[in-house]
Amino acid sequence: IAGIMAAKRTYELIPMCHPIPIENVEVDIQVNDNEITVISTVKTHYKTGVEMEALTATATALLTIWDMVKKYEKDQNGQYPITQIIDIKVTNKVKLKI
């Protein structure tokens, strides 16, 4: 839910982004042995792309997961020595003529 909400409000969070009529947002969370993968897909029929919305959805989903599970890793010094968020990137963009 956090990722979907973030995609829809990207223009409020990122300077110079403008509201885009988003038609669909999907945030897929895959839990593996030692990692969690988040893949966000955002769709629109508009004159500009939705890369920022997809990146914001992914980052927010990962931050929300971190917040929910951090208590399980916190060490005696209040640090989180293992968990990290890495490799947030656009893996595929499809642009069709309107």
Protein backbone atom coordinates (compact mmCIF):
# COMPACT_ATOMS: atom_id res chain seq x y z
CA ILE A 1 0.00 0.00 0.00
CA ALA A 2 2.82 2.43 0.86
CA GLY A 3 4.41 2.01 -2.56
CA ILE A 4 1.14 2.64 -4.37
CA MET A 5 0.44 5.72 -2.27
CA ALA A 6 3.95 7.04 -2.91
CA ALA A 7 3.66 6.60 -6.68
CA LYS A 8 0.48 8.66 -6.69
CA ARG A 9 2.08 11.43 -4.61
CA THR A 10 5.50 11.59 -6.25
CA TYR A 11 4.83 15.12 -7.50
CA GLU A 12 4.46 16.24 -3.85
CA LEU A 13 7.75 14.63 -2.81
CA ILE A 14 10.16 15.28 -5.69
CA PRO A 15 10.86 18.86 -6.80
CA MET A 16 9.98 19.64 -10.42
CA CYS A 17 7.78 16.54 -10.82
CA HIS A 18 4.25 17.31 -11.89
CA PRO A 19 1.01 15.41 -11.35
CA ILE A 20 0.56 12.62 -13.88
CA PRO A 21 -2.74 10.79 -14.42
CA ILE A 22 -1.61 7.35 -13.28
CA GLU A 23 -3.81 4.54 -14.55
CA ASN A 24 -2.29 1.61 -12.68
CA VAL A 25 0.34 0.90 -10.04
CA GLU A 26 1.48 -2.58 -9.06
CA VAL A 27 4.04 -3.25 -6.35
CA ASP A 28 5.26 -6.85 -6.31
CA ILE A 29 7.21 -7.94 -3.22
CA GLN A 30 9.25 -11.12 -3.44
CA VAL A 31 10.71 -12.55 -0.23
CA ASN A 32 13.72 -14.84 -0.65
CA ASP A 33 16.13 -16.38 1.88
CA ASN A 34 18.31 -13.32 2.51
CA GLU A 35 16.70 -10.60 0.46
CA ILE A 36 13.49 -8.89 -0.49
CA THR A 37 12.94 -7.72 -4.06
CA VAL A 38 10.40 -5.03 -4.88
CA ILE A 39 9.28 -4.52 -8.47
CA SER A 40 6.99 -1.57 -9.15
CA THR A 41 5.07 -1.14 -12.38
CA VAL A 42 3.36 2.15 -13.17
CA LYS A 43 1.16 2.76 -16.22
CA THR A 44 -0.23 5.90 -17.81
CA HIS A 45 -1.24 7.31 -21.18
CA TYR A 46 0.45 10.68 -20.97
CA LYS A 47 3.08 12.80 -22.67
CA THR A 48 5.76 12.04 -20.09
CA GLY A 49 7.06 8.87 -18.49
CA VAL A 50 6.45 7.51 -15.01
CA GLU A 51 9.98 6.47 -14.07
CA MET A 52 10.04 8.74 -11.03
CA GLU A 53 6.72 7.32 -9.84
CA ALA A 54 8.00 3.75 -10.18
CA LEU A 55 11.28 4.55 -8.40
CA THR A 56 9.41 6.36 -5.62
CA ALA A 57 7.02 3.42 -5.21
CA THR A 58 9.92 0.97 -4.93
CA ALA A 59 11.93 3.10 -2.51
CA THR A 60 8.92 3.75 -0.28
CA ALA A 61 7.93 0.08 -0.23
CA LEU A 62 11.48 -0.87 0.79
CA LEU A 63 11.63 1.83 3.47
CA THR A 64 8.30 0.64 4.86
CA ILE A 65 9.53 -2.96 5.00
CA TRP A 66 12.73 -1.78 6.70
CA ASP A 67 10.69 0.09 9.32
CA MET A 68 8.55 -2.98 10.00
CA VAL A 69 11.45 -5.43 10.45
CA LYS A 70 14.26 -3.30 11.88
CA LYS A 71 13.56 -4.38 15.45
CA TYR A 72 14.73 -7.89 14.57
CA GLU A 73 18.23 -6.76 13.58
CA LYS A 74 19.04 -3.89 15.92
CA ASP A 75 22.24 -4.66 17.82
CA GLN A 76 23.33 -3.65 21.32
CA ASN A 77 24.63 -0.32 19.97
CA GLY A 78 21.33 0.51 18.29
CA GLN A 79 22.75 -0.12 14.82
CA TYR A 80 21.59 -2.24 11.89
CA PRO A 81 24.78 -3.97 10.70
CA ILE A 82 23.38 -6.18 7.93
CA THR A 83 20.22 -4.77 6.36
CA GLN A 84 20.69 -2.45 3.40
CA ILE A 85 18.67 -1.05 0.54
CA ILE A 86 20.54 -1.40 -2.74
CA ASP A 87 20.12 -1.44 -6.51
CA ILE A 88 17.00 0.63 -7.02
CA LYS A 89 16.83 1.11 -10.78
CA VAL A 90 14.58 1.30 -13.81
CA THR A 91 14.77 -2.11 -15.45
CA ASN A 92 12.27 -1.65 -18.26
CA LYS A 93 10.50 1.30 -19.85
CA VAL A 94 7.93 0.94 -22.61
CA LYS A 95 6.80 4.06 -24.43
CA LEU A 96 3.96 3.75 -26.91
CA LYS A 97 2.56 6.43 -29.18
CA ILE A 98 -0.56 8.06 -27.82
